[in-house]
Protein backbone atom coordinates (compact mmCIF):
# COMPACT_ATOMS: atom_id res chain seq x y z
CA MET A 1 -182.97 60.23 46.99
CA ARG A 2 -181.85 57.82 44.29
CA ILE A 3 -178.33 57.65 45.74
CA LEU A 4 -179.73 56.87 49.20
CA ALA A 5 -181.87 54.05 47.78
CA LEU A 6 -178.89 52.58 45.91
CA ALA A 7 -176.71 52.80 49.03
CA ILE A 8 -179.32 50.98 51.12
CA LEU A 9 -179.70 48.32 48.42
CA ALA A 10 -175.93 47.82 48.21
CA ILE A 11 -175.56 47.52 51.98
CA GLY A 12 -178.45 45.04 52.12
CA MET A 13 -176.99 42.87 49.38
CA ALA A 14 -173.53 42.88 50.96
CA SER A 15 -174.81 41.90 54.39
CA ALA A 16 -177.20 39.22 53.09
CA SER A 17 -174.69 37.40 50.92
CA GLY A 18 -172.02 36.84 53.58
CA GLN A 19 -168.95 34.94 52.56
CA ALA A 20 -169.00 32.05 50.14
CA ARG A 21 -167.50 28.84 51.55
CA ALA A 22 -165.12 26.72 49.56
CA GLN A 23 -165.90 23.11 48.73
CA THR A 24 -164.81 21.03 51.70
CA TYR A 25 -164.88 17.66 50.01
CA GLY A 26 -162.20 16.15 47.78
CA THR A 27 -163.14 14.13 44.70
CA ALA A 28 -160.45 11.42 44.74
CA PHE A 29 -161.65 9.20 47.63
CA PRO A 30 -165.09 7.66 48.25
CA VAL A 31 -165.19 8.08 52.06
CA CYS A 32 -164.85 11.23 54.20
CA MET A 33 -164.41 11.77 57.91
CA HIS A 34 -166.09 14.80 59.47
CA LEU A 35 -164.00 16.01 62.41
CA ILE A 36 -165.06 18.52 65.05
CA ASN A 37 -162.22 20.27 66.86
CA TRP A 38 -162.35 20.60 70.63
CA GLY A 39 -161.75 24.37 70.62
CA GLY A 40 -164.25 24.98 67.83
CA GLY A 41 -164.35 24.55 64.12
CA GLU A 42 -164.76 21.51 61.96
CA TYR A 43 -163.35 20.05 58.76
CA TYR A 44 -163.62 17.10 56.40
CA ASP A 45 -160.81 14.66 55.68
CA CYS A 46 -161.61 12.89 52.42
CA SER A 47 -158.68 10.51 52.16
CA PHE A 48 -160.20 7.10 52.90
CA LEU A 49 -160.89 4.20 50.55
CA THR A 50 -163.26 2.24 52.81
CA MET A 51 -165.65 2.91 55.68
CA ALA A 52 -163.64 0.50 57.87
CA GLN A 53 -160.45 2.46 57.24
CA CYS A 54 -162.22 5.70 58.18
CA ALA A 55 -163.86 4.16 61.26
CA GLY A 56 -160.49 2.95 62.50
CA SER A 57 -159.06 6.44 62.17
CA ALA A 58 -162.12 8.07 63.76
CA MET A 59 -162.11 5.80 66.81
CA GLY A 60 -161.73 7.78 70.03
CA ARG A 61 -162.16 11.13 68.28
CA SER A 62 -165.15 13.41 67.78
CA ALA A 63 -165.56 12.30 64.20
CA THR A 64 -168.05 10.54 61.95
CA CYS A 65 -167.55 8.77 58.63
CA GLY A 66 -169.74 9.01 55.57
CA LEU A 67 -169.77 8.62 51.83
CA ASN A 68 -168.26 11.43 49.79
CA PRO A 69 -171.06 13.07 47.77
CA TYR A 70 -168.51 14.53 45.33
CA TYR A 71 -166.54 11.33 44.65
CA ALA A 72 -165.59 11.36 40.98
CA GLY A 73 -165.02 7.60 40.68
CA ALA A 74 -161.91 5.65 39.85
CA SER A 75 -159.77 7.24 37.15
CA ALA A 76 -158.63 5.12 34.24
């Protein structure tokens, strides 16, 4: 009985946790572009210094620009 209870607990924990996702933001640039692929999926491109630079690159694409919440600031 104890083995059955432990097996059910282990299966429940494994199915509830799912897979952990990696951090999608970089820390070197203050602006990120969130892109949505036509066939499915999405990703972040955090390689922009200004919102205007990001907006120019996002024009005509299914993308939005926003501030990088993980920006580490300028390095000395």
